[in-house]
Each structure stands twice: as structure tokens, then as C-alpha cells.
Amino acid sequence: MYRYTVELDIFVHPDYCNKGIGSCLMDKMLNLMDIKYQARAGYEWTAKADVSGSVGSRVVKTVICQVPYDAGDGTNILWTTKFLQRFGFKKAGDTQCMGFKCDKT
């Protein structure tokens, strides 16, 4: 059932948000996971391991990207939704009140 599904986690330190780092990371991660994804490039990428191209041996049909957010503050989820849509993601659902942190759900 999940043979062609991957879960993607990308984290950017709050001090570096809105500087294009998340877009670069997302672009490279999708390029590494999916041989059909067309990388946008436009940035220099260096790595110690040989990750110069797509993995190639794995076909990805679904990428799951879970986005936890503060239900009381919708601005972050709106921005994140627009960001993910730029990479072809579509919202599949919304599970509310799944977590509790810092006295918030």
C-alpha cells in the first residue's frame, strides 16, 4: 500500500526563514526522490556524498508532507500551504487537535 510513498520532513531554523533556503531544500529533496521531478536549480549545491542526481531506482507516486500548526494562528498554515502548492502538493486533509504543546492545541 505504501510501497511508492515517502514522507518528507524539512526543517529551517526560524532565523533563516523567508530567504529561499526552504525552497532550495525542497527542490533538491524532490529531485533526489523522484526521477520525474524537474529540478529548478538556480543555486549552488555541494555535498560530501555523491548526490548529484536523482536516485533513479525508486519510483515515487506519493510524497506525504505533514504540517503541524497552531490552530489559533492560521497565518503560518496559509503561508505553508502556498509554499507547498508551488511544488505541486495538494491538500488532502486536515486533522485537528492532534497535538498539545505549550498549552496550545
N, C-alpha and C. Protein backbone atom coordinates (compact mmCIF):
# COMPACT_ATOMS: atom_id res chain seq x y z
N MET A 1 0.81 -1.19 0.00
CA MET A 1 0.00 0.00 0.00
C MET A 1 0.86 1.27 0.00
N TYR A 2 1.97 1.25 0.72
CA TYR A 2 2.83 2.43 0.80
C TYR A 2 4.16 2.23 0.09
N ARG A 3 4.22 1.30 -0.80
CA ARG A 3 5.47 0.97 -1.48
C ARG A 3 6.06 2.17 -2.23
N TYR A 4 5.22 2.98 -2.82
CA TYR A 4 5.69 4.12 -3.62
C TYR A 4 5.44 5.46 -2.92
N THR A 5 5.34 5.41 -1.59
CA THR A 5 5.07 6.60 -0.80
C THR A 5 6.27 6.95 0.07
N VAL A 6 6.60 8.21 0.12
CA VAL A 6 7.67 8.68 1.01
C VAL A 6 7.12 9.81 1.87
N GLU A 7 7.71 9.95 3.03
CA GLU A 7 7.34 11.06 3.91
C GLU A 7 8.51 12.03 3.95
N LEU A 8 8.21 13.28 3.73
CA LEU A 8 9.24 14.31 3.61
C LEU A 8 9.20 15.23 4.82
N ASP A 9 10.35 15.42 5.44
CA ASP A 9 10.49 16.36 6.55
C ASP A 9 11.60 17.34 6.20
N ILE A 10 11.29 18.62 6.25
CA ILE A 10 12.28 19.66 6.01
C ILE A 10 12.15 20.67 7.14
N PHE A 11 13.29 21.03 7.73
CA PHE A 11 13.30 21.99 8.82
C PHE A 11 14.26 23.13 8.48
N VAL A 12 13.81 24.35 8.71
CA VAL A 12 14.64 25.53 8.52
C VAL A 12 14.57 26.33 9.82
N HIS A 13 15.72 26.71 10.34
CA HIS A 13 15.78 27.50 11.57
C HIS A 13 14.99 28.80 11.37
N PRO A 14 14.20 29.20 12.36
CA PRO A 14 13.39 30.41 12.22
C PRO A 14 14.16 31.66 11.81
N ASP A 15 15.43 31.76 12.18
CA ASP A 15 16.24 32.92 11.80
C ASP A 15 16.53 32.96 10.30
N TYR A 16 16.32 31.85 9.61
CA TYR A 16 16.65 31.77 8.18
C TYR A 16 15.43 31.57 7.30
N CYS A 17 14.24 31.74 7.86
CA CYS A 17 13.01 31.61 7.08
C CYS A 17 12.86 32.78 6.11
N ASN A 18 12.14 32.54 5.04
CA ASN A 18 11.85 33.55 4.01
C ASN A 18 13.11 34.07 3.31
N LYS A 19 14.12 33.20 3.19
CA LYS A 19 15.35 33.57 2.49
C LYS A 19 15.65 32.62 1.34
N GLY A 20 14.69 31.75 0.99
CA GLY A 20 14.86 30.83 -0.13
C GLY A 20 15.49 29.50 0.24
N ILE A 21 15.87 29.33 1.49
CA ILE A 21 16.53 28.09 1.91
C ILE A 21 15.58 26.91 1.83
N GLY A 22 14.34 27.09 2.31
CA GLY A 22 13.35 26.03 2.25
C GLY A 22 13.05 25.60 0.82
N SER A 23 12.98 26.57 -0.08
CA SER A 23 12.74 26.25 -1.50
C SER A 23 13.89 25.45 -2.09
N CYS A 24 15.11 25.82 -1.75
CA CYS A 24 16.28 25.07 -2.23
C CYS A 24 16.26 23.64 -1.70
N LEU A 25 15.97 23.50 -0.40
CA LEU A 25 15.92 22.16 0.20
C LEU A 25 14.82 21.32 -0.42
N MET A 26 13.64 21.90 -0.58
CA MET A 26 12.51 21.16 -1.17
C MET A 26 12.83 20.74 -2.59
N ASP A 27 13.39 21.64 -3.37
CA ASP A 27 13.75 21.34 -4.75
C ASP A 27 14.73 20.17 -4.82
N LYS A 28 15.76 20.21 -4.00
CA LYS A 28 16.76 19.14 -4.02
C LYS A 28 16.20 17.82 -3.51
N MET A 29 15.41 17.87 -2.44
CA MET A 29 14.82 16.64 -1.90
C MET A 29 13.90 15.97 -2.91
N LEU A 30 13.06 16.76 -3.57
CA LEU A 30 12.17 16.19 -4.58
C LEU A 30 12.96 15.63 -5.75
N ASN A 31 14.04 16.30 -6.12
CA ASN A 31 14.90 15.82 -7.19
C ASN A 31 15.56 14.49 -6.84
N LEU A 32 15.97 14.34 -5.58
CA LEU A 32 16.60 13.10 -5.14
C LEU A 32 15.60 11.95 -5.05
N MET A 33 14.35 12.26 -4.73
CA MET A 33 13.35 11.21 -4.52
C MET A 33 12.67 10.75 -5.80
N ASP A 34 12.47 11.63 -6.73
CA ASP A 34 11.61 11.34 -7.87
C ASP A 34 12.33 11.60 -9.19
N ILE A 35 12.51 10.57 -9.97
CA ILE A 35 13.23 10.73 -11.24
C ILE A 35 12.44 11.57 -12.24
N LYS A 36 11.15 11.74 -12.04
CA LYS A 36 10.33 12.53 -12.95
C LYS A 36 10.30 14.02 -12.57
N TYR A 37 10.77 14.34 -11.38
CA TYR A 37 10.76 15.73 -10.94
C TYR A 37 11.82 16.52 -11.68
N GLN A 38 11.43 17.67 -12.19
CA GLN A 38 12.36 18.53 -12.91
C GLN A 38 12.90 19.59 -11.94
N ALA A 39 14.16 19.47 -11.56
CA ALA A 39 14.76 20.40 -10.60
C ALA A 39 14.77 21.82 -11.15
N ARG A 40 14.53 22.78 -10.29
CA ARG A 40 14.53 24.19 -10.68
C ARG A 40 15.95 24.75 -10.71
N ALA A 41 16.81 24.19 -9.88
CA ALA A 41 18.20 24.61 -9.77
C ALA A 41 18.27 26.10 -9.42
N GLY A 42 19.24 26.79 -9.98
CA GLY A 42 19.39 28.21 -9.68
C GLY A 42 20.15 28.47 -8.40
N TYR A 43 20.79 27.46 -7.86
CA TYR A 43 21.57 27.62 -6.66
C TYR A 43 22.71 26.62 -6.70
N GLU A 44 23.75 26.91 -5.96
CA GLU A 44 24.90 26.00 -5.91
C GLU A 44 24.66 24.97 -4.82
N TRP A 45 24.89 23.71 -5.14
CA TRP A 45 24.66 22.63 -4.19
C TRP A 45 25.95 21.86 -4.02
N THR A 46 26.42 21.75 -2.79
CA THR A 46 27.60 20.94 -2.53
C THR A 46 27.27 19.92 -1.45
N ALA A 47 27.84 18.73 -1.59
CA ALA A 47 27.61 17.67 -0.62
C ALA A 47 28.82 16.76 -0.60
N LYS A 48 29.10 16.16 0.55
CA LYS A 48 30.24 15.25 0.66
C LYS A 48 29.97 13.94 -0.06
N ALA A 49 28.73 13.47 -0.01
CA ALA A 49 28.37 12.21 -0.68
C ALA A 49 28.00 12.49 -2.13
N ASP A 50 27.94 11.45 -2.94
CA ASP A 50 27.56 11.60 -4.34
C ASP A 50 26.04 11.64 -4.45
N VAL A 51 25.48 12.84 -4.40
CA VAL A 51 24.05 13.03 -4.53
C VAL A 51 23.79 14.00 -5.68
N SER A 52 24.53 13.85 -6.74
CA SER A 52 24.48 14.82 -7.82
C SER A 52 23.23 14.71 -8.68
N GLY A 53 22.55 13.58 -8.65
CA GLY A 53 21.35 13.42 -9.48
C GLY A 53 20.29 12.66 -8.74
N SER A 54 19.21 12.39 -9.41
CA SER A 54 18.12 11.63 -8.81
C SER A 54 18.57 10.23 -8.48
N VAL A 55 17.91 9.66 -7.49
CA VAL A 55 18.24 8.29 -7.08
C VAL A 55 18.05 7.34 -8.24
N GLY A 56 16.95 7.48 -8.97
CA GLY A 56 16.76 6.74 -10.21
C GLY A 56 16.21 5.35 -10.08
N SER A 57 16.41 4.67 -8.97
CA SER A 57 15.94 3.30 -8.86
C SER A 57 14.60 3.20 -8.14
N ARG A 58 14.06 4.29 -7.69
CA ARG A 58 12.81 4.26 -6.97
C ARG A 58 11.79 5.18 -7.62
N VAL A 59 10.62 4.63 -7.89
CA VAL A 59 9.54 5.44 -8.44
C VAL A 59 8.70 5.93 -7.27
N VAL A 60 8.49 7.23 -7.22
CA VAL A 60 7.70 7.84 -6.15
C VAL A 60 6.35 8.23 -6.73
N LYS A 61 5.30 7.72 -6.11
CA LYS A 61 3.95 8.08 -6.54
C LYS A 61 3.33 9.13 -5.62
N THR A 62 3.68 9.09 -4.33
CA THR A 62 3.09 9.99 -3.35
C THR A 62 4.15 10.48 -2.38
N VAL A 63 4.16 11.77 -2.12
CA VAL A 63 5.01 12.35 -1.09
C VAL A 63 4.08 12.93 -0.04
N ILE A 64 4.22 12.46 1.19
CA ILE A 64 3.39 12.94 2.29
C ILE A 64 4.17 14.02 3.04
N CYS A 65 3.54 15.14 3.23
CA CYS A 65 4.15 16.24 3.97
C CYS A 65 3.17 16.70 5.03
N GLN A 66 3.42 16.30 6.27
CA GLN A 66 2.55 16.69 7.38
C GLN A 66 3.04 18.02 7.93
N VAL A 67 2.12 18.93 8.17
CA VAL A 67 2.47 20.26 8.64
C VAL A 67 1.72 20.56 9.94
N PRO A 68 2.39 20.39 11.08
CA PRO A 68 1.73 20.77 12.33
C PRO A 68 1.66 22.29 12.43
N TYR A 69 0.54 22.78 12.98
CA TYR A 69 0.39 24.23 13.10
C TYR A 69 -0.49 24.57 14.29
N ASP A 70 -0.37 25.80 14.75
CA ASP A 70 -1.16 26.32 15.86
C ASP A 70 -2.55 26.65 15.33
N ALA A 71 -3.56 25.94 15.83
CA ALA A 71 -4.93 26.14 15.35
C ALA A 71 -5.44 27.56 15.63
N GLY A 72 -4.87 28.23 16.61
CA GLY A 72 -5.29 29.58 16.94
C GLY A 72 -4.67 30.65 16.05
N ASP A 73 -3.66 30.28 15.28
CA ASP A 73 -2.97 31.23 14.41
C ASP A 73 -2.88 30.64 13.01
N GLY A 74 -3.77 31.05 12.13
CA GLY A 74 -3.84 30.48 10.80
C GLY A 74 -2.85 31.05 9.80
N THR A 75 -2.07 32.07 10.17
CA THR A 75 -1.17 32.69 9.21
C THR A 75 -0.06 31.73 8.76
N ASN A 76 0.48 30.95 9.68
CA ASN A 76 1.57 30.05 9.33
C ASN A 76 1.10 28.95 8.37
N ILE A 77 -0.07 28.38 8.61
CA ILE A 77 -0.55 27.31 7.74
C ILE A 77 -0.93 27.86 6.36
N LEU A 78 -1.41 29.08 6.28
CA LEU A 78 -1.72 29.67 4.98
C LEU A 78 -0.45 29.86 4.16
N TRP A 79 0.59 30.38 4.79
CA TRP A 79 1.87 30.57 4.10
C TRP A 79 2.44 29.22 3.66
N THR A 80 2.40 28.24 4.56
CA THR A 80 2.95 26.92 4.26
C THR A 80 2.18 26.25 3.14
N THR A 81 0.87 26.39 3.12
CA THR A 81 0.04 25.82 2.06
C THR A 81 0.45 26.40 0.71
N LYS A 82 0.61 27.71 0.63
CA LYS A 82 1.03 28.35 -0.63
C LYS A 82 2.43 27.87 -1.05
N PHE A 83 3.33 27.73 -0.07
CA PHE A 83 4.68 27.25 -0.35
C PHE A 83 4.63 25.85 -0.97
N LEU A 84 3.88 24.95 -0.36
CA LEU A 84 3.81 23.57 -0.85
C LEU A 84 3.12 23.49 -2.20
N GLN A 85 2.14 24.33 -2.45
CA GLN A 85 1.46 24.33 -3.74
C GLN A 85 2.41 24.70 -4.88
N ARG A 86 3.41 25.53 -4.60
CA ARG A 86 4.40 25.89 -5.62
C ARG A 86 5.17 24.67 -6.11
N PHE A 87 5.22 23.62 -5.29
CA PHE A 87 5.93 22.40 -5.65
C PHE A 87 4.97 21.28 -6.06
N GLY A 88 3.71 21.62 -6.27
CA GLY A 88 2.74 20.65 -6.77
C GLY A 88 2.01 19.85 -5.70
N PHE A 89 2.20 20.19 -4.43
CA PHE A 89 1.48 19.49 -3.37
C PHE A 89 0.03 19.93 -3.35
N LYS A 90 -0.85 19.00 -2.98
CA LYS A 90 -2.27 19.28 -2.83
C LYS A 90 -2.71 18.89 -1.44
N LYS A 91 -3.55 19.70 -0.84
CA LYS A 91 -4.05 19.40 0.49
C LYS A 91 -5.00 18.21 0.41
N ALA A 92 -4.74 17.22 1.26
CA ALA A 92 -5.56 16.01 1.25
C ALA A 92 -6.44 15.91 2.48
N GLY A 93 -6.17 16.70 3.49
CA GLY A 93 -6.98 16.63 4.69
C GLY A 93 -6.46 17.54 5.77
N ASP A 94 -7.23 17.62 6.85
CA ASP A 94 -6.87 18.45 7.99
C ASP A 94 -7.31 17.71 9.24
N THR A 95 -6.36 17.24 10.02
CA THR A 95 -6.65 16.56 11.27
C THR A 95 -6.45 17.56 12.38
N GLN A 96 -7.53 17.93 13.02
CA GLN A 96 -7.48 19.00 14.02
C GLN A 96 -7.27 18.44 15.43
N CYS A 97 -6.63 19.26 16.26
CA CYS A 97 -6.42 18.98 17.68
C CYS A 97 -5.72 17.64 17.91
N MET A 98 -4.70 17.36 17.14
CA MET A 98 -3.96 16.09 17.26
C MET A 98 -2.82 16.20 18.27
N GLY A 99 -2.39 17.39 18.56
CA GLY A 99 -1.27 17.55 19.48
C GLY A 99 -1.53 18.65 20.50
N PHE A 100 -0.72 18.64 21.52
CA PHE A 100 -0.84 19.65 22.58
C PHE A 100 0.57 20.00 23.02
N LYS A 101 0.95 21.28 22.85
CA LYS A 101 2.30 21.72 23.21
C LYS A 101 2.23 23.16 23.69
N CYS A 102 2.93 23.45 24.75
CA CYS A 102 2.99 24.81 25.30
C CYS A 102 1.58 25.35 25.57
N ASP A 103 0.72 24.52 26.12
CA ASP A 103 -0.66 24.88 26.44
C ASP A 103 -1.48 25.28 25.21
N LYS A 104 -1.12 24.77 24.03
CA LYS A 104 -1.85 25.05 22.81
C LYS A 104 -2.16 23.74 22.11
N THR A 105 -3.28 23.73 21.35
CA THR A 105 -3.61 22.55 20.53
C THR A 105 -3.35 22.85 19.09
